[in-house]
Structure formats: structure tokens, C-alpha cells
Amino acid sequence: MTDGKHSGSLSAAYAAKRPEEVAAIYDSWSETYDADMSAAGYRHPTICLALLARHLPRGAEPLLDAGAGTGLIGEWLAITGYPRVEALDISQGMLDKAGAKGVYAALHRLAMGDALPFADGAYAGIISAGVFTSGHVGVEGLDELIRICRPGGVIVLTVKNTLWQAGFAERIAGLETQGRLKRVEETAPYASMPGETDTVPSRGLVLRVS
């Protein structure tokens, strides 16, 4: 992602104001997304996978890959012993790529931040890499993830510093005080894409739902 074109895709996605804009950008980007993110040294999926494996037993199911994109994480979850994973993404183009990998039990074209059509406690774990960031999903997307994660399950997510400092940290602290979840791990801030010019760091979080 050093040729400008793909940097432009990322910048446009961060700058998007409406869900349909985000969907359109990712629809058009889906063909080259995997190669572009690999070239940028994209770290979120690897870090989220490591955090999930540390805090959720092998074989736990079902899992939700919330903001699955082209299914990078789904492939690795299958390899590392999580047998049933469902994908959620706002972009049909991305979901088509994810579905073609043959690792998801279900594909859901939905926007995070809205009410989700899943039962309370439907998932043993949720992983959401690179979603809570500029122009995508803010803290308003968190409550539904908590609702659909079963008690004792974990939510692994990344949060860009701009969101973290604009109310996300306070919201997490408030949920802990209410006893709705426990922050069981928080990484040091890191650059999600060392090969990109966007240097605002993110952090990884593991939340255990009460």
C-alpha cells in the first residue's frame, strides 16, 4: 500500500461519514485488499488471533468475526481450532471474498452500530479487528457485541487512539464499574500498519462478559 492508490482507499474509508460510503469503498477495494494489507504489514488480525487464543479455549463455538472483511482472521481461526465461525461485514464485496475461502459457517451483511439480529448470548466469543477506528464504528457499536456474547465469553477488539481518547476508554471503565464486563488484557499502543503513513496507534483489548 505504498503506491498511493491503496493509501487513498484507506484514507477514504477513514474519512467516510455514512455506512453506505464505507460499504462502497470496501466493495471496490475487495479485489486487492488482501495483497494491499499484506504489503502494509497489517498487524491487527495476528494480534487479535493471539489474544483470542490466550483467553478462549480451543474448540469454543460459535464465534463471530465482526467486521470480517475478506476473511483473513476466519482462515486462521479454522487452522487454530475454532470450528464454527460466522462473518459479519457491511460490504457485500468483502463478504463474497470471505465466503469464497470456505471457512465461515454463515455470512451476515450488517452494519455494526445498529441493532444486530442475534439472540442474547449467541456467541462464545467475538473478534473485531480494525473496526473501531476513524470513519467506521465508534463506541456505539460496543453494547450490541456485549449483548450477543454469552456470559464468560470474550470480545477481542482493536481501538484506534482517536476513538480511545474520545470516550471509548471512559465507556469501558463505566462498563467495568457496572459489572457488565472485565478488561482482562490491554496491549500497549502499536502501529497497525507500519508500511502506511497513518501513524495513529491502536491497542488491543480483551473483554470478558459478565
C-alpha atoms as a PDB file:
ATOM      1  CA  MET A   1       0.000   0.000   0.000  1.00  0.00           C
ATOM      2  CA  THR A   2       2.799   2.355  -0.820  1.00  0.00           C
ATOM      3  CA  ASP A   3       1.753   3.342  -4.321  1.00  0.00           C
ATOM      4  CA  GLY A   4      -0.747   5.997  -3.262  1.00  0.00           C
ATOM      5  CA  LYS A   5      -3.776   4.307  -4.809  1.00  0.00           C
ATOM      6  CA  HIS A   6      -4.326   1.947  -1.914  1.00  0.00           C
ATOM      7  CA  SER A   7      -3.350   4.575   0.642  1.00  0.00           C
ATOM      8  CA  GLY A   8      -6.185   6.544  -0.926  1.00  0.00           C
ATOM      9  CA  SER A   9      -8.627   3.687  -0.358  1.00  0.00           C
ATOM     10  CA  LEU A  10      -7.701   3.577   3.311  1.00  0.00           C
ATOM     11  CA  SER A  11      -7.858   7.362   3.701  1.00  0.00           C
ATOM     12  CA  ALA A  12     -11.270   7.416   2.041  1.00  0.00           C
ATOM     13  CA  ALA A  13     -12.520   4.679   4.356  1.00  0.00           C
ATOM     14  CA  TYR A  14     -11.332   6.605   7.419  1.00  0.00           C
ATOM     15  CA  ALA A  15     -12.951   9.797   6.117  1.00  0.00           C
ATOM     16  CA  ALA A  16     -16.318   8.207   5.309  1.00  0.00           C
ATOM     17  CA  LYS A  17     -19.301   9.723   7.083  1.00  0.00           C
ATOM     18  CA  ARG A  18     -22.083   7.225   6.348  1.00  0.00           C
ATOM     19  CA  PRO A  19     -22.246   3.411   6.439  1.00  0.00           C
ATOM     20  CA  GLU A  20     -23.147   3.226   2.756  1.00  0.00           C
ATOM     21  CA  GLU A  21     -19.976   5.169   1.901  1.00  0.00           C
ATOM     22  CA  VAL A  22     -17.874   2.706   3.879  1.00  0.00           C
ATOM     23  CA  ALA A  23     -19.593  -0.234   2.155  1.00  0.00           C
ATOM     24  CA  ALA A  24     -18.989   1.219  -1.318  1.00  0.00           C
ATOM     25  CA  ILE A  25     -15.309   1.854  -0.637  1.00  0.00           C
ATOM     26  CA  TYR A  26     -14.733  -1.683   0.585  1.00  0.00           C
ATOM     27  CA  ASP A  27     -16.805  -3.191  -2.220  1.00  0.00           C
ATOM     28  CA  SER A  28     -14.481  -1.596  -4.779  1.00  0.00           C
ATOM     29  CA  TRP A  29     -11.361  -2.462  -2.764  1.00  0.00           C
ATOM     30  CA  SER A  30     -12.184  -6.131  -2.180  1.00  0.00           C
ATOM     31  CA  GLU A  31     -10.258  -7.487  -5.184  1.00  0.00           C
ATOM     32  CA  THR A  32      -6.864  -6.246  -3.994  1.00  0.00           C
ATOM     33  CA  TYR A  33      -7.475  -5.853  -0.253  1.00  0.00           C
ATOM     34  CA  ASP A  34      -5.554  -8.931   0.954  1.00  0.00           C
ATOM     35  CA  ALA A  35      -2.434  -8.085  -1.049  1.00  0.00           C
ATOM     36  CA  ASP A  36      -2.622  -4.403  -0.128  1.00  0.00           C
ATOM     37  CA  MET A  37      -2.909  -5.066   3.597  1.00  0.00           C
ATOM     38  CA  SER A  38      -0.111  -7.619   3.476  1.00  0.00           C
ATOM     39  CA  ALA A  39       2.123  -5.032   1.807  1.00  0.00           C
ATOM     40  CA  ALA A  40       1.280  -2.541   4.552  1.00  0.00           C
ATOM     41  CA  GLY A  41       2.304  -5.011   7.273  1.00  0.00           C
ATOM     42  CA  TYR A  42      -1.230  -5.121   8.701  1.00  0.00           C
ATOM     43  CA  ARG A  43      -0.962  -6.337  12.307  1.00  0.00           C
ATOM     44  CA  HIS A  44      -4.499  -6.313  13.741  1.00  0.00           C
ATOM     45  CA  PRO A  45      -5.575  -9.820  12.650  1.00  0.00           C
ATOM     46  CA  THR A  46      -2.452 -11.510  14.043  1.00  0.00           C
ATOM     47  CA  ILE A  47      -2.621  -9.666  17.342  1.00  0.00           C
ATOM     48  CA  CYS A  48      -6.348 -10.355  17.752  1.00  0.00           C
ATOM     49  CA  LEU A  49      -5.848 -14.035  16.993  1.00  0.00           C
ATOM     50  CA  ALA A  50      -3.109 -14.290  19.616  1.00  0.00           C
ATOM     51  CA  LEU A  51      -5.273 -12.558  22.225  1.00  0.00           C
ATOM     52  CA  LEU A  52      -8.290 -14.740  21.477  1.00  0.00           C
ATOM     53  CA  ALA A  53      -6.267 -17.949  21.689  1.00  0.00           C
ATOM     54  CA  ARG A  54      -4.882 -16.863  25.059  1.00  0.00           C
ATOM     55  CA  HIS A  55      -8.302 -16.224  26.589  1.00  0.00           C
ATOM     56  CA  LEU A  56     -10.789 -18.544  24.835  1.00  0.00           C
ATOM     57  CA  PRO A  57     -10.338 -22.318  24.878  1.00  0.00           C
ATOM     58  CA  ARG A  58      -9.691 -24.176  21.644  1.00  0.00           C
ATOM     59  CA  GLY A  59     -12.938 -25.526  20.234  1.00  0.00           C
ATOM     60  CA  ALA A  60     -15.189 -22.814  21.702  1.00  0.00           C
ATOM     61  CA  GLU A  61     -18.104 -22.100  19.379  1.00  0.00           C
ATOM     62  CA  PRO A  62     -19.703 -20.313  17.731  1.00  0.00           C
ATOM     63  CA  LEU A  63     -17.541 -17.261  17.160  1.00  0.00           C
ATOM     64  CA  LEU A  64     -18.404 -14.052  15.326  1.00  0.00           C
ATOM     65  CA  ASP A  65     -15.832 -12.274  13.189  1.00  0.00           C
ATOM     66  CA  ALA A  66     -17.369  -8.795  13.396  1.00  0.00           C
ATOM     67  CA  GLY A  67     -16.031  -6.707  10.535  1.00  0.00           C
ATOM     68  CA  ALA A  68     -14.628  -9.782   8.820  1.00  0.00           C
ATOM     69  CA  GLY A  69     -13.598  -8.087   5.596  1.00  0.00           C
ATOM     70  CA  THR A  70     -12.152 -10.647   3.204  1.00  0.00           C
ATOM     71  CA  GLY A  71     -11.876 -13.289   5.920  1.00  0.00           C
ATOM     72  CA  LEU A  72      -8.219 -13.046   6.924  1.00  0.00           C
ATOM     73  CA  ILE A  73      -8.986 -13.988  10.527  1.00  0.00           C
ATOM     74  CA  GLY A  74     -11.505 -16.673   9.628  1.00  0.00           C
ATOM     75  CA  GLU A  75      -8.858 -18.688   7.828  1.00  0.00           C
ATOM     76  CA  TRP A  76      -6.573 -18.590  10.844  1.00  0.00           C
ATOM     77  CA  LEU A  77      -9.342 -19.370  13.332  1.00  0.00           C
ATOM     78  CA  ALA A  78     -10.130 -22.534  11.405  1.00  0.00           C
ATOM     79  CA  ILE A  79      -6.468 -23.580  11.420  1.00  0.00           C
ATOM     80  CA  THR A  80      -6.044 -22.913  15.137  1.00  0.00           C
ATOM     81  CA  GLY A  81      -9.016 -24.984  16.249  1.00  0.00           C
ATOM     82  CA  TYR A  82     -12.177 -22.882  16.361  1.00  0.00           C
ATOM     83  CA  PRO A  83     -14.630 -24.979  14.351  1.00  0.00           C
ATOM     84  CA  ARG A  84     -17.591 -22.659  13.793  1.00  0.00           C
ATOM     85  CA  VAL A  85     -17.099 -19.021  12.891  1.00  0.00           C
ATOM     86  CA  GLU A  86     -19.608 -16.625  11.347  1.00  0.00           C
ATOM     87  CA  ALA A  87     -18.685 -13.474   9.426  1.00  0.00           C
ATOM     88  CA  LEU A  88     -20.309 -10.053   9.665  1.00  0.00           C
ATOM     89  CA  ASP A  89     -19.399  -7.156   7.393  1.00  0.00           C
ATOM     90  CA  ILE A  90     -21.044  -4.079   5.886  1.00  0.00           C
ATOM     91  CA  SER A  91     -19.567  -4.773   2.424  1.00  0.00           C
ATOM     92  CA  GLN A  92     -21.032  -7.455   0.185  1.00  0.00           C
ATOM     93  CA  GLY A  93     -17.873  -7.400  -1.920  1.00  0.00           C
ATOM     94  CA  MET A  94     -15.772  -8.230   1.115  1.00  0.00           C
ATOM     95  CA  LEU A  95     -18.193 -10.931   2.250  1.00  0.00           C
ATOM     96  CA  ASP A  96     -18.055 -12.521  -1.201  1.00  0.00           C
ATOM     97  CA  LYS A  97     -14.279 -12.836  -0.826  1.00  0.00           C
ATOM     98  CA  ALA A  98     -14.637 -14.155   2.721  1.00  0.00           C
ATOM     99  CA  GLY A  99     -17.234 -16.707   1.646  1.00  0.00           C
ATOM    100  CA  ALA A 100     -15.009 -17.981  -1.144  1.00  0.00           C
ATOM    101  CA  LYS A 101     -12.444 -19.049   1.439  1.00  0.00           C
ATOM    102  CA  GLY A 102     -14.859 -21.681   2.701  1.00  0.00           C
ATOM    103  CA  VAL A 103     -14.165 -21.164   6.404  1.00  0.00           C
ATOM    104  CA  TYR A 104     -17.326 -19.390   7.609  1.00  0.00           C
ATOM    105  CA  ALA A 105     -20.475 -21.167   8.726  1.00  0.00           C
ATOM    106  CA  ALA A 106     -22.603 -18.107   7.884  1.00  0.00           C
ATOM    107  CA  LEU A 107     -22.196 -14.679   6.287  1.00  0.00           C
ATOM    108  CA  HIS A 108     -24.115 -11.663   7.600  1.00  0.00           C
ATOM    109  CA  ARG A 109     -24.226  -8.359   5.672  1.00  0.00           C
ATOM    110  CA  LEU A 110     -24.905  -5.956   8.536  1.00  0.00           C
ATOM    111  CA  ALA A 111     -23.700  -2.613   9.874  1.00  0.00           C
ATOM    112  CA  MET A 112     -22.190  -2.545  13.336  1.00  0.00           C
ATOM    113  CA  GLY A 113     -23.574   0.242  15.468  1.00  0.00           C
ATOM    114  CA  ASP A 114     -27.124  -0.789  14.583  1.00  0.00           C
ATOM    115  CA  ALA A 115     -29.198  -3.403  16.423  1.00  0.00           C
ATOM    116  CA  LEU A 116     -27.994  -6.860  15.394  1.00  0.00           C
ATOM    117  CA  PRO A 117     -30.470  -9.695  14.656  1.00  0.00           C
ATOM    118  CA  PHE A 118     -28.849 -12.208  17.003  1.00  0.00           C
ATOM    119  CA  ALA A 119     -30.069 -13.614  20.306  1.00  0.00           C
ATOM    120  CA  ASP A 120     -28.621 -12.560  23.636  1.00  0.00           C
ATOM    121  CA  GLY A 121     -25.549 -14.657  24.371  1.00  0.00           C
ATOM    122  CA  ALA A 122     -25.474 -16.167  20.886  1.00  0.00           C
ATOM    123  CA  TYR A 123     -21.667 -16.308  20.634  1.00  0.00           C
ATOM    124  CA  ALA A 124     -18.907 -17.832  22.755  1.00  0.00           C
ATOM    125  CA  GLY A 125     -16.501 -15.210  21.507  1.00  0.00           C
ATOM    126  CA  ILE A 126     -16.341 -12.203  19.204  1.00  0.00           C
ATOM    127  CA  ILE A 127     -13.315 -10.840  17.381  1.00  0.00           C
ATOM    128  CA  SER A 128     -13.364  -7.383  15.792  1.00  0.00           C
ATOM    129  CA  ALA A 129     -10.086  -6.293  14.200  1.00  0.00           C
ATOM    130  CA  GLY A 130      -9.644  -2.835  12.714  1.00  0.00           C
ATOM    131  CA  VAL A 131     -13.306  -1.893  13.056  1.00  0.00           C
ATOM    132  CA  PHE A 132     -13.330   0.561  15.958  1.00  0.00           C
ATOM    133  CA  THR A 133     -11.455   3.269  14.077  1.00  0.00           C
ATOM    134  CA  SER A 134     -11.864   6.558  12.208  1.00  0.00           C
ATOM    135  CA  GLY A 135     -14.883   6.636   9.905  1.00  0.00           C
ATOM    136  CA  HIS A 136     -16.026   3.123  10.799  1.00  0.00           C
ATOM    137  CA  VAL A 137     -17.589   2.162  14.141  1.00  0.00           C
ATOM    138  CA  GLY A 138     -17.464   4.140  17.360  1.00  0.00           C
ATOM    139  CA  VAL A 139     -18.274   3.248  20.930  1.00  0.00           C
ATOM    140  CA  GLU A 140     -21.948   2.884  19.939  1.00  0.00           C
ATOM    141  CA  GLY A 141     -21.069  -0.484  18.403  1.00  0.00           C
ATOM    142  CA  LEU A 142     -19.922  -1.991  21.677  1.00  0.00           C
ATOM    143  CA  ASP A 143     -23.209  -2.593  23.512  1.00  0.00           C
ATOM    144  CA  GLU A 144     -24.586  -4.974  20.898  1.00  0.00           C
ATOM    145  CA  LEU A 145     -21.380  -7.017  20.919  1.00  0.00           C
ATOM    146  CA  ILE A 146     -21.665  -7.343  24.687  1.00  0.00           C
ATOM    147  CA  ARG A 147     -25.311  -8.379  24.406  1.00  0.00           C
ATOM    148  CA  ILE A 148     -24.701 -11.148  21.889  1.00  0.00           C
ATOM    149  CA  CYS A 149     -21.630 -12.544  23.692  1.00  0.00           C
ATOM    150  CA  ARG A 150     -22.501 -15.154  26.287  1.00  0.00           C
ATOM    151  CA  PRO A 151     -21.549 -14.640  29.945  1.00  0.00           C
ATOM    152  CA  GLY A 152     -17.985 -15.825  30.431  1.00  0.00           C
ATOM    153  CA  GLY A 153     -17.222 -15.312  26.738  1.00  0.00           C
ATOM    154  CA  VAL A 154     -14.676 -12.881  25.403  1.00  0.00           C
ATOM    155  CA  ILE A 155     -14.697  -9.969  22.992  1.00  0.00           C
ATOM    156  CA  VAL A 156     -11.354  -9.196  21.363  1.00  0.00           C
ATOM    157  CA  LEU A 157     -11.173  -5.851  19.588  1.00  0.00           C
ATOM    158  CA  THR A 158      -8.800  -3.157  18.451  1.00  0.00           C
ATOM    159  CA  VAL A 159      -9.409   0.527  19.149  1.00  0.00           C
ATOM    160  CA  LYS A 160      -7.652   3.401  17.418  1.00  0.00           C
ATOM    161  CA  ASN A 161      -6.302   6.051  19.800  1.00  0.00           C
ATOM    162  CA  THR A 162      -8.530   8.763  18.352  1.00  0.00           C
ATOM    163  CA  LEU A 163     -11.590   6.783  19.476  1.00  0.00           C
ATOM    164  CA  TRP A 164      -9.976   5.643  22.712  1.00  0.00           C
ATOM    165  CA  GLN A 165      -9.426   9.241  23.761  1.00  0.00           C
ATOM    166  CA  ALA A 166     -12.875  10.386  22.563  1.00  0.00           C
ATOM    167  CA  GLY A 167     -14.983   8.400  25.022  1.00  0.00           C
ATOM    168  CA  PHE A 168     -14.095   4.751  24.445  1.00  0.00           C
ATOM    169  CA  ALA A 169     -11.797   4.487  27.488  1.00  0.00           C
ATOM    170  CA  GLU A 170     -14.436   6.049  29.708  1.00  0.00           C
ATOM    171  CA  ARG A 171     -17.109   3.705  28.361  1.00  0.00           C
ATOM    172  CA  ILE A 172     -15.008   0.628  29.076  1.00  0.00           C
ATOM    173  CA  ALA A 173     -14.300   1.876  32.598  1.00  0.00           C
ATOM    174  CA  GLY A 174     -18.013   2.526  33.140  1.00  0.00           C
ATOM    175  CA  LEU A 175     -18.973  -0.974  31.959  1.00  0.00           C
ATOM    176  CA  GLU A 176     -16.414  -2.447  34.348  1.00  0.00           C
ATOM    177  CA  THR A 177     -17.838  -0.409  37.209  1.00  0.00           C
ATOM    178  CA  GLN A 178     -21.339  -1.652  36.330  1.00  0.00           C
ATOM    179  CA  GLY A 179     -20.056  -5.231  36.436  1.00  0.00           C
ATOM    180  CA  ARG A 180     -21.028  -5.918  32.816  1.00  0.00           C
ATOM    181  CA  LEU A 181     -17.546  -6.926  31.760  1.00  0.00           C
ATOM    182  CA  LYS A 182     -13.947  -7.213  32.887  1.00  0.00           C
ATOM    183  CA  ARG A 183     -10.957  -5.951  30.931  1.00  0.00           C
ATOM    184  CA  VAL A 184      -8.691  -8.987  31.144  1.00  0.00           C
ATOM    185  CA  GLU A 185      -5.959  -7.702  28.827  1.00  0.00           C
ATOM    186  CA  GLU A 186      -4.984  -4.463  27.137  1.00  0.00           C
ATOM    187  CA  THR A 187      -1.957  -4.209  24.877  1.00  0.00           C
ATOM    188  CA  ALA A 188       0.424  -1.325  24.662  1.00  0.00           C
ATOM    189  CA  PRO A 189      -0.435   1.006  21.764  1.00  0.00           C
ATOM    190  CA  TYR A 190       1.068  -0.114  18.454  1.00  0.00           C
ATOM    191  CA  ALA A 191       1.069   0.914  14.791  1.00  0.00           C
ATOM    192  CA  SER A 192      -1.456  -1.244  12.954  1.00  0.00           C
ATOM    193  CA  MET A 193       0.225  -0.777   9.563  1.00  0.00           C
ATOM    194  CA  PRO A 194       3.938   0.054   9.754  1.00  0.00           C
ATOM    195  CA  GLY A 195       4.041   0.383   5.961  1.00  0.00           C
ATOM    196  CA  GLU A 196       1.447   3.178   5.914  1.00  0.00           C
ATOM    197  CA  THR A 197       1.673   6.895   6.573  1.00  0.00           C
ATOM    198  CA  ASP A 198      -1.174   6.785   9.113  1.00  0.00           C
ATOM    199  CA  THR A 199       0.783   6.539  12.358  1.00  0.00           C
ATOM    200  CA  VAL A 200      -2.011   6.958  14.925  1.00  0.00           C
ATOM    201  CA  PRO A 201      -1.601   3.897  17.154  1.00  0.00           C
ATOM    202  CA  SER A 202      -4.231   1.410  18.223  1.00  0.00           C
ATOM    203  CA  ARG A 203      -4.489  -1.007  21.137  1.00  0.00           C
ATOM    204  CA  GLY A 204      -5.878  -4.497  21.504  1.00  0.00           C
ATOM    205  CA  LEU A 205      -8.421  -5.273  24.212  1.00  0.00           C
ATOM    206  CA  VAL A 206      -9.813  -8.482  25.651  1.00  0.00           C
ATOM    207  CA  LEU A 207     -13.131  -8.050  27.458  1.00  0.00           C
ATOM    208  CA  ARG A 208     -14.727 -10.903  29.392  1.00  0.00           C
ATOM    209  CA  VAL A 209     -18.513 -10.540  29.521  1.00  0.00           C
ATOM    210  CA  SER A 210     -20.201 -10.994  32.907  1.00  0.00           C
END
